[in-house]
N, C-alpha and C. Protein backbone atom coordinates (compact mmCIF):
# COMPACT_ATOMS: atom_id res chain seq x y z
N MET A 1 11.20 -25.08 -22.27
CA MET A 1 12.01 -25.77 -23.19
C MET A 1 11.44 -27.17 -23.46
N GLY A 2 10.52 -27.64 -22.64
CA GLY A 2 9.98 -28.96 -22.82
C GLY A 2 10.73 -30.13 -22.31
N LEU A 3 11.77 -29.85 -21.52
CA LEU A 3 12.58 -30.91 -21.00
C LEU A 3 11.81 -31.61 -19.91
N THR A 4 11.89 -32.96 -19.86
CA THR A 4 11.16 -33.70 -18.80
C THR A 4 12.09 -34.50 -17.91
N ASN A 5 13.40 -34.42 -18.18
CA ASN A 5 14.32 -35.20 -17.34
C ASN A 5 15.28 -34.32 -16.53
N VAL A 6 14.79 -33.17 -16.13
CA VAL A 6 15.59 -32.20 -15.40
C VAL A 6 14.90 -31.95 -14.04
N SER A 7 15.71 -31.89 -13.03
CA SER A 7 15.20 -31.44 -11.64
C SER A 7 16.06 -30.30 -11.21
N VAL A 8 15.45 -29.43 -10.39
CA VAL A 8 16.18 -28.31 -9.86
C VAL A 8 16.57 -28.62 -8.45
N MET A 9 17.81 -28.33 -8.06
CA MET A 9 18.30 -28.58 -6.69
C MET A 9 18.70 -27.21 -6.08
N VAL A 10 18.00 -26.82 -5.07
CA VAL A 10 18.24 -25.53 -4.40
C VAL A 10 19.21 -25.78 -3.28
N PRO A 11 20.41 -25.16 -3.36
CA PRO A 11 21.40 -25.36 -2.31
C PRO A 11 21.29 -24.38 -1.14
N PHE A 12 21.74 -24.83 0.00
CA PHE A 12 21.89 -23.97 1.18
C PHE A 12 20.75 -23.04 1.48
N CYS A 13 19.58 -23.61 1.50
CA CYS A 13 18.36 -22.86 1.75
C CYS A 13 18.11 -22.86 3.29
N ARG A 14 18.17 -21.65 3.90
CA ARG A 14 18.16 -21.55 5.33
C ARG A 14 16.78 -21.60 5.95
N THR A 15 15.77 -21.15 5.24
CA THR A 15 14.38 -21.14 5.83
C THR A 15 13.39 -21.49 4.73
N PRO A 16 12.23 -22.00 5.16
CA PRO A 16 11.20 -22.28 4.16
C PRO A 16 10.78 -20.96 3.41
N GLU A 17 10.78 -19.81 4.03
CA GLU A 17 10.43 -18.57 3.43
C GLU A 17 11.49 -18.27 2.33
N GLU A 18 12.79 -18.51 2.56
CA GLU A 18 13.77 -18.32 1.56
C GLU A 18 13.50 -19.24 0.42
N GLY A 19 13.04 -20.45 0.63
CA GLY A 19 12.70 -21.38 -0.42
C GLY A 19 11.54 -20.90 -1.28
N LYS A 20 10.55 -20.27 -0.63
CA LYS A 20 9.42 -19.68 -1.37
C LYS A 20 9.88 -18.57 -2.26
N LYS A 21 10.83 -17.75 -1.79
CA LYS A 21 11.40 -16.69 -2.58
C LYS A 21 12.08 -17.27 -3.86
N VAL A 22 12.79 -18.36 -3.66
CA VAL A 22 13.50 -19.00 -4.79
C VAL A 22 12.48 -19.44 -5.83
N LEU A 23 11.42 -20.08 -5.37
CA LEU A 23 10.37 -20.53 -6.30
C LEU A 23 9.71 -19.40 -7.06
N LYS A 24 9.54 -18.25 -6.33
CA LYS A 24 8.93 -17.08 -6.95
C LYS A 24 9.86 -16.53 -8.05
N VAL A 25 11.15 -16.48 -7.76
CA VAL A 25 12.12 -16.01 -8.78
C VAL A 25 12.12 -16.91 -9.99
N MET A 26 12.04 -18.22 -9.73
CA MET A 26 11.95 -19.19 -10.85
C MET A 26 10.68 -18.95 -11.67
N LYS A 27 9.57 -18.79 -10.98
CA LYS A 27 8.28 -18.58 -11.67
C LYS A 27 8.31 -17.27 -12.48
N ASP A 28 8.84 -16.20 -11.86
CA ASP A 28 8.96 -14.91 -12.49
C ASP A 28 9.82 -14.97 -13.77
N ASN A 29 10.64 -15.96 -13.82
CA ASN A 29 11.53 -16.15 -15.01
C ASN A 29 11.05 -17.29 -15.90
N GLY A 30 9.79 -17.69 -15.75
CA GLY A 30 9.18 -18.67 -16.66
C GLY A 30 9.39 -20.08 -16.33
N LEU A 31 9.95 -20.43 -15.13
CA LEU A 31 10.18 -21.81 -14.76
C LEU A 31 9.33 -22.12 -13.48
N LYS A 32 8.42 -23.04 -13.51
CA LYS A 32 7.59 -23.27 -12.30
C LYS A 32 7.55 -24.75 -12.04
N LYS A 33 7.35 -25.11 -10.75
CA LYS A 33 7.19 -26.51 -10.40
C LYS A 33 6.03 -27.09 -11.11
N SER A 34 6.17 -28.33 -11.50
CA SER A 34 5.05 -29.04 -12.15
C SER A 34 5.24 -30.50 -11.94
N GLU A 35 4.35 -31.32 -12.49
CA GLU A 35 4.48 -32.76 -12.40
C GLU A 35 5.80 -33.20 -13.03
N SER A 36 6.19 -32.53 -14.10
CA SER A 36 7.39 -32.97 -14.83
C SER A 36 8.70 -32.27 -14.30
N LEU A 37 8.54 -31.17 -13.66
CA LEU A 37 9.72 -30.45 -13.12
C LEU A 37 9.66 -30.47 -11.58
N LYS A 38 10.52 -31.24 -11.00
CA LYS A 38 10.59 -31.33 -9.55
C LYS A 38 11.66 -30.34 -9.05
N VAL A 39 11.40 -29.75 -7.86
CA VAL A 39 12.36 -28.84 -7.26
C VAL A 39 12.62 -29.39 -5.89
N TYR A 40 13.91 -29.71 -5.66
CA TYR A 40 14.34 -30.30 -4.42
C TYR A 40 15.23 -29.27 -3.68
N VAL A 41 15.29 -29.47 -2.39
CA VAL A 41 16.17 -28.61 -1.56
C VAL A 41 17.28 -29.47 -1.02
N MET A 42 18.50 -28.92 -0.95
CA MET A 42 19.59 -29.63 -0.32
C MET A 42 19.33 -29.60 1.22
N CYS A 43 19.58 -30.69 1.87
CA CYS A 43 19.49 -30.80 3.32
C CYS A 43 20.95 -30.72 3.81
N GLU A 44 21.43 -29.48 4.06
CA GLU A 44 22.80 -29.31 4.38
C GLU A 44 23.00 -28.58 5.75
N ILE A 45 21.88 -28.11 6.29
CA ILE A 45 21.92 -27.32 7.52
C ILE A 45 21.05 -28.01 8.57
N PRO A 46 21.42 -28.05 9.85
CA PRO A 46 20.62 -28.75 10.83
C PRO A 46 19.15 -28.24 10.79
N ASP A 47 18.93 -26.99 10.48
CA ASP A 47 17.50 -26.51 10.51
C ASP A 47 16.72 -27.13 9.37
N ASN A 48 17.41 -27.61 8.35
CA ASN A 48 16.71 -28.31 7.24
C ASN A 48 16.05 -29.59 7.79
N VAL A 49 16.65 -30.17 8.81
CA VAL A 49 16.12 -31.40 9.44
C VAL A 49 15.04 -31.03 10.43
N VAL A 50 15.37 -30.09 11.30
CA VAL A 50 14.44 -29.66 12.38
C VAL A 50 13.12 -29.16 11.75
N LEU A 51 13.23 -28.40 10.68
CA LEU A 51 12.04 -27.84 10.03
C LEU A 51 11.70 -28.55 8.75
N ALA A 52 12.06 -29.86 8.66
CA ALA A 52 11.84 -30.57 7.41
C ALA A 52 10.40 -30.56 6.98
N ASP A 53 9.45 -30.72 7.87
CA ASP A 53 8.05 -30.70 7.46
C ASP A 53 7.67 -29.39 6.78
N ASP A 54 8.23 -28.27 7.29
CA ASP A 54 7.96 -27.00 6.63
C ASP A 54 8.64 -26.88 5.31
N PHE A 55 9.89 -27.36 5.21
CA PHE A 55 10.57 -27.32 3.90
C PHE A 55 9.86 -28.22 2.90
N LEU A 56 9.33 -29.31 3.35
CA LEU A 56 8.65 -30.21 2.42
C LEU A 56 7.27 -29.73 1.93
N LYS A 57 6.78 -28.71 2.57
CA LYS A 57 5.58 -28.05 2.09
C LYS A 57 5.90 -27.16 0.85
N VAL A 58 7.17 -26.77 0.78
CA VAL A 58 7.65 -25.87 -0.28
C VAL A 58 8.26 -26.67 -1.42
N PHE A 59 8.99 -27.74 -1.12
CA PHE A 59 9.79 -28.49 -2.10
C PHE A 59 9.27 -29.87 -2.33
N ASP A 60 9.65 -30.47 -3.39
CA ASP A 60 9.23 -31.85 -3.79
C ASP A 60 10.00 -32.94 -3.08
N GLY A 61 11.06 -32.57 -2.39
CA GLY A 61 11.88 -33.56 -1.68
C GLY A 61 13.20 -32.90 -1.29
N MET A 62 14.15 -33.75 -0.83
CA MET A 62 15.37 -33.28 -0.33
C MET A 62 16.51 -34.19 -0.81
N SER A 63 17.68 -33.60 -0.90
CA SER A 63 18.95 -34.33 -1.13
C SER A 63 19.90 -34.01 -0.02
N ILE A 64 20.32 -34.97 0.72
CA ILE A 64 21.22 -34.69 1.86
C ILE A 64 22.60 -34.34 1.33
N GLY A 65 23.13 -33.18 1.74
CA GLY A 65 24.51 -32.80 1.50
C GLY A 65 25.32 -33.15 2.73
N SER A 66 25.77 -34.37 2.82
CA SER A 66 26.32 -34.86 4.13
C SER A 66 27.59 -34.13 4.52
N ASN A 67 28.41 -33.64 3.58
CA ASN A 67 29.59 -32.91 3.98
C ASN A 67 29.30 -31.66 4.77
N ASP A 68 28.37 -30.81 4.25
CA ASP A 68 28.04 -29.60 4.89
C ASP A 68 27.22 -29.88 6.17
N LEU A 69 26.33 -30.83 6.11
CA LEU A 69 25.51 -31.13 7.27
C LEU A 69 26.41 -31.62 8.43
N THR A 70 27.42 -32.39 8.11
CA THR A 70 28.37 -32.83 9.15
C THR A 70 29.13 -31.60 9.73
N GLN A 71 29.68 -30.85 8.83
CA GLN A 71 30.46 -29.66 9.23
C GLN A 71 29.65 -28.81 10.15
N LEU A 72 28.42 -28.46 9.79
CA LEU A 72 27.61 -27.52 10.55
C LEU A 72 27.03 -28.12 11.82
N THR A 73 26.84 -29.47 11.84
CA THR A 73 26.35 -30.06 13.05
C THR A 73 27.46 -30.14 14.06
N LEU A 74 28.67 -30.43 13.61
CA LEU A 74 29.79 -30.60 14.56
C LEU A 74 30.62 -29.30 14.75
N GLY A 75 30.29 -28.26 14.03
CA GLY A 75 30.97 -26.98 14.28
C GLY A 75 32.41 -27.01 13.88
N MET A 76 32.73 -27.50 12.65
CA MET A 76 34.12 -27.53 12.28
C MET A 76 34.25 -27.12 10.81
N ASP A 77 35.48 -26.85 10.45
CA ASP A 77 35.72 -26.38 9.05
C ASP A 77 35.65 -27.58 8.08
N ARG A 78 35.49 -27.30 6.85
CA ARG A 78 35.31 -28.33 5.84
C ARG A 78 36.45 -29.32 5.74
N ASP A 79 37.68 -28.83 5.96
CA ASP A 79 38.85 -29.71 5.86
C ASP A 79 39.07 -30.50 7.09
N GLY A 80 38.43 -30.18 8.17
CA GLY A 80 38.63 -30.90 9.41
C GLY A 80 39.99 -30.56 10.02
N ASN A 81 40.29 -31.22 11.05
CA ASN A 81 41.55 -31.01 11.78
C ASN A 81 42.07 -32.37 12.18
N GLU A 82 43.31 -32.67 11.99
CA GLU A 82 43.90 -33.99 12.26
C GLU A 82 43.55 -34.39 13.72
N GLN A 83 43.52 -33.50 14.67
CA GLN A 83 43.28 -33.81 16.01
C GLN A 83 41.87 -34.26 16.30
N ILE A 84 40.92 -33.85 15.47
CA ILE A 84 39.54 -34.27 15.70
C ILE A 84 38.97 -35.05 14.51
N ARG A 85 39.85 -35.53 13.62
CA ARG A 85 39.39 -36.27 12.46
C ARG A 85 38.45 -37.42 12.83
N SER A 86 38.73 -38.05 13.95
CA SER A 86 37.93 -39.28 14.33
C SER A 86 36.44 -38.96 14.57
N ILE A 87 36.12 -37.73 14.84
CA ILE A 87 34.72 -37.36 15.08
C ILE A 87 34.17 -36.48 13.91
N SER A 88 35.04 -36.13 13.02
CA SER A 88 34.61 -35.19 11.95
C SER A 88 34.14 -35.84 10.71
N ASN A 89 33.36 -36.88 10.85
CA ASN A 89 32.74 -37.55 9.67
C ASN A 89 31.33 -37.94 9.96
N GLU A 90 30.70 -38.38 8.88
CA GLU A 90 29.24 -38.68 8.96
C GLU A 90 28.90 -39.83 9.86
N ASN A 91 29.88 -40.60 10.38
CA ASN A 91 29.60 -41.67 11.29
C ASN A 91 29.36 -41.19 12.72
N ASN A 92 29.49 -39.91 12.93
CA ASN A 92 29.25 -39.32 14.22
C ASN A 92 27.73 -39.54 14.53
N GLU A 93 27.41 -39.90 15.75
CA GLU A 93 26.04 -40.28 16.14
C GLU A 93 25.08 -39.11 15.91
N ALA A 94 25.49 -37.88 16.19
CA ALA A 94 24.61 -36.75 16.01
C ALA A 94 24.25 -36.53 14.52
N VAL A 95 25.22 -36.73 13.65
CA VAL A 95 25.01 -36.57 12.24
C VAL A 95 24.11 -37.72 11.75
N LYS A 96 24.37 -38.90 12.18
CA LYS A 96 23.51 -40.06 11.76
C LYS A 96 22.09 -39.88 12.28
N TYR A 97 21.98 -39.35 13.45
CA TYR A 97 20.61 -39.06 13.98
C TYR A 97 19.81 -38.10 13.08
N LEU A 98 20.49 -36.99 12.66
CA LEU A 98 19.84 -36.04 11.81
C LEU A 98 19.49 -36.64 10.45
N ILE A 99 20.45 -37.42 9.94
CA ILE A 99 20.14 -38.03 8.61
C ILE A 99 18.98 -39.04 8.74
N ALA A 100 18.98 -39.86 9.75
CA ALA A 100 17.89 -40.77 9.89
C ALA A 100 16.52 -40.06 10.04
N GLU A 101 16.55 -39.00 10.78
CA GLU A 101 15.38 -38.17 11.01
C GLU A 101 14.79 -37.59 9.69
N VAL A 102 15.68 -36.99 8.92
CA VAL A 102 15.20 -36.38 7.70
C VAL A 102 14.71 -37.43 6.69
N ILE A 103 15.31 -38.57 6.64
CA ILE A 103 14.82 -39.66 5.76
C ILE A 103 13.43 -40.07 6.21
N LYS A 104 13.27 -40.21 7.50
CA LYS A 104 11.96 -40.61 8.11
C LYS A 104 10.90 -39.55 7.79
N LYS A 105 11.25 -38.31 7.88
CA LYS A 105 10.25 -37.24 7.62
C LYS A 105 9.89 -37.17 6.16
N CYS A 106 10.85 -37.36 5.30
CA CYS A 106 10.54 -37.35 3.82
C CYS A 106 9.68 -38.53 3.48
N LYS A 107 10.00 -39.73 4.00
CA LYS A 107 9.25 -40.89 3.65
C LYS A 107 7.82 -40.77 4.17
N ALA A 108 7.65 -40.21 5.37
CA ALA A 108 6.31 -40.07 5.98
C ALA A 108 5.43 -39.13 5.13
N ARG A 109 6.03 -38.20 4.42
CA ARG A 109 5.23 -37.30 3.57
C ARG A 109 5.23 -37.72 2.10
N GLY A 110 5.83 -38.85 1.84
CA GLY A 110 5.84 -39.33 0.46
C GLY A 110 6.75 -38.52 -0.50
N LYS A 111 7.76 -37.86 0.10
CA LYS A 111 8.64 -37.01 -0.70
C LYS A 111 9.98 -37.71 -0.98
N TYR A 112 10.60 -37.31 -2.02
CA TYR A 112 11.92 -37.85 -2.42
C TYR A 112 12.97 -37.55 -1.43
N ILE A 113 13.86 -38.48 -1.15
CA ILE A 113 15.00 -38.25 -0.30
C ILE A 113 16.19 -39.06 -0.86
N GLY A 114 17.32 -38.31 -1.15
CA GLY A 114 18.51 -38.93 -1.62
C GLY A 114 19.71 -38.30 -0.92
N ILE A 115 20.87 -38.73 -1.28
CA ILE A 115 22.08 -38.14 -0.69
C ILE A 115 23.15 -38.00 -1.79
N CYS A 116 23.76 -36.83 -1.75
CA CYS A 116 24.80 -36.59 -2.75
C CYS A 116 26.15 -36.20 -2.08
N GLY A 117 26.28 -36.56 -0.79
CA GLY A 117 27.55 -36.25 -0.08
C GLY A 117 28.58 -37.33 -0.29
N GLN A 118 29.70 -37.09 0.27
CA GLN A 118 30.88 -37.95 0.15
C GLN A 118 30.84 -39.19 0.97
N ALA A 119 30.08 -39.23 2.07
CA ALA A 119 30.13 -40.27 3.05
C ALA A 119 29.94 -41.70 2.47
N PRO A 120 28.92 -41.94 1.64
CA PRO A 120 28.74 -43.32 1.13
C PRO A 120 29.98 -43.83 0.35
N SER A 121 30.67 -42.90 -0.29
CA SER A 121 31.88 -43.31 -1.04
C SER A 121 33.03 -43.60 -0.15
N ASP A 122 33.15 -42.86 0.97
CA ASP A 122 34.25 -43.05 1.91
C ASP A 122 34.00 -44.17 2.90
N TYR A 123 32.78 -44.38 3.28
CA TYR A 123 32.46 -45.37 4.30
C TYR A 123 31.33 -46.28 3.82
N PRO A 124 31.66 -47.46 3.19
CA PRO A 124 30.63 -48.34 2.70
C PRO A 124 29.56 -48.74 3.78
N GLU A 125 30.02 -48.78 5.01
CA GLU A 125 29.05 -49.11 6.12
C GLU A 125 28.06 -48.03 6.29
N PHE A 126 28.47 -46.81 5.91
CA PHE A 126 27.52 -45.67 6.01
C PHE A 126 26.46 -45.79 4.94
N ALA A 127 26.82 -46.29 3.81
CA ALA A 127 25.84 -46.58 2.72
C ALA A 127 24.89 -47.64 3.21
N GLN A 128 25.31 -48.63 3.93
CA GLN A 128 24.42 -49.66 4.46
C GLN A 128 23.44 -49.00 5.47
N PHE A 129 23.93 -48.09 6.30
CA PHE A 129 23.07 -47.34 7.26
C PHE A 129 21.97 -46.63 6.54
N LEU A 130 22.35 -45.94 5.37
CA LEU A 130 21.39 -45.18 4.61
C LEU A 130 20.29 -46.12 4.06
N VAL A 131 20.68 -47.26 3.54
CA VAL A 131 19.72 -48.23 3.00
C VAL A 131 18.81 -48.69 4.11
N LYS A 132 19.31 -48.94 5.26
CA LYS A 132 18.51 -49.38 6.42
C LYS A 132 17.52 -48.29 6.76
N CYS A 133 17.86 -47.07 6.60
CA CYS A 133 16.96 -45.94 6.94
C CYS A 133 15.91 -45.72 5.84
N GLY A 134 16.14 -46.25 4.62
CA GLY A 134 15.18 -46.10 3.56
C GLY A 134 15.47 -45.05 2.50
N ILE A 135 16.72 -44.68 2.40
CA ILE A 135 17.14 -43.65 1.38
C ILE A 135 16.74 -44.15 -0.02
N GLU A 136 16.37 -43.23 -0.88
CA GLU A 136 15.94 -43.56 -2.26
C GLU A 136 17.10 -43.65 -3.24
N SER A 137 18.07 -42.76 -3.09
CA SER A 137 19.18 -42.72 -4.00
C SER A 137 20.47 -42.29 -3.34
N ILE A 138 21.59 -42.84 -3.86
CA ILE A 138 22.91 -42.56 -3.25
C ILE A 138 23.84 -42.28 -4.41
N SER A 139 24.49 -41.08 -4.37
CA SER A 139 25.52 -40.85 -5.38
C SER A 139 26.85 -41.31 -4.84
N LEU A 140 27.66 -41.79 -5.76
CA LEU A 140 28.96 -42.31 -5.35
C LEU A 140 30.06 -41.82 -6.32
N ASN A 141 31.27 -41.79 -5.74
CA ASN A 141 32.43 -41.49 -6.57
C ASN A 141 32.75 -42.70 -7.45
N PRO A 142 33.23 -42.44 -8.65
CA PRO A 142 33.54 -43.58 -9.56
C PRO A 142 34.39 -44.67 -8.92
N ASP A 143 35.44 -44.30 -8.11
CA ASP A 143 36.37 -45.26 -7.56
C ASP A 143 35.75 -46.12 -6.42
N SER A 144 34.54 -45.78 -5.99
CA SER A 144 33.95 -46.54 -4.87
C SER A 144 32.65 -47.27 -5.26
N VAL A 145 32.29 -47.13 -6.55
CA VAL A 145 31.02 -47.73 -6.97
C VAL A 145 30.90 -49.23 -6.71
N ILE A 146 31.93 -49.99 -7.10
CA ILE A 146 31.82 -51.45 -6.97
C ILE A 146 31.79 -51.84 -5.48
N LYS A 147 32.70 -51.40 -4.66
CA LYS A 147 32.75 -51.88 -3.28
C LYS A 147 31.51 -51.41 -2.49
N THR A 148 31.02 -50.18 -2.76
CA THR A 148 29.88 -49.68 -2.09
C THR A 148 28.62 -50.34 -2.57
N THR A 149 28.52 -50.58 -3.85
CA THR A 149 27.37 -51.27 -4.39
C THR A 149 27.19 -52.67 -3.78
N ILE A 150 28.28 -53.35 -3.55
CA ILE A 150 28.26 -54.64 -2.90
C ILE A 150 27.69 -54.51 -1.50
N LYS A 151 28.15 -53.52 -0.75
CA LYS A 151 27.68 -53.30 0.60
C LYS A 151 26.16 -52.97 0.60
N ILE A 152 25.78 -52.15 -0.36
CA ILE A 152 24.36 -51.78 -0.47
C ILE A 152 23.49 -53.06 -0.80
N TYR A 153 24.00 -53.87 -1.72
CA TYR A 153 23.27 -55.11 -2.04
C TYR A 153 23.18 -56.01 -0.80
N GLU A 154 24.23 -56.14 -0.07
CA GLU A 154 24.20 -56.99 1.17
C GLU A 154 23.17 -56.47 2.17
N GLU A 155 23.06 -55.17 2.29
CA GLU A 155 22.08 -54.58 3.24
C GLU A 155 20.68 -54.75 2.70
N GLU A 156 20.46 -54.57 1.38
CA GLU A 156 19.16 -54.77 0.82
C GLU A 156 18.66 -56.19 0.94
N GLN A 157 19.52 -57.20 0.92
CA GLN A 157 19.15 -58.55 1.10
C GLN A 157 18.62 -58.88 2.49
N LYS A 158 18.97 -58.03 3.45
CA LYS A 158 18.52 -58.23 4.84
C LYS A 158 17.05 -57.75 5.02
N HIS A 159 16.53 -56.96 4.10
CA HIS A 159 15.20 -56.37 4.23
C HIS A 159 14.20 -57.05 3.31
């Protein structure tokens, strides 16, 4: 179609081999990776972090889906439970470790890394953590743009 401002985001990709199959289906249907068409994988599963180097051989970069990554790292349902709400968010050290690792791996390979999860909107200090780690882009809910952007600016001024 000649579009140059479109990227493909592959959700919930469990293995690099599964990613290769997705790219083959795209190619078989006339859509292939190119300089102008980037194909990213969502980083939503702990194995996306553990095997990030292998996923990055297949894809142009990653976008962290922090809601699912948190859920699957901590072994809880998406809605959480009032009794464990204090640990069921992205500020959990295990989740932050995984996020910092995948950012580091993407940057080391010169690949795109962003986040499209809820955490930066809910926790402005989490957005600061992401900036400190070197994230390239952060999506935000409309109601949190101003307060979170201020926190991001404050963190960027430290570097």
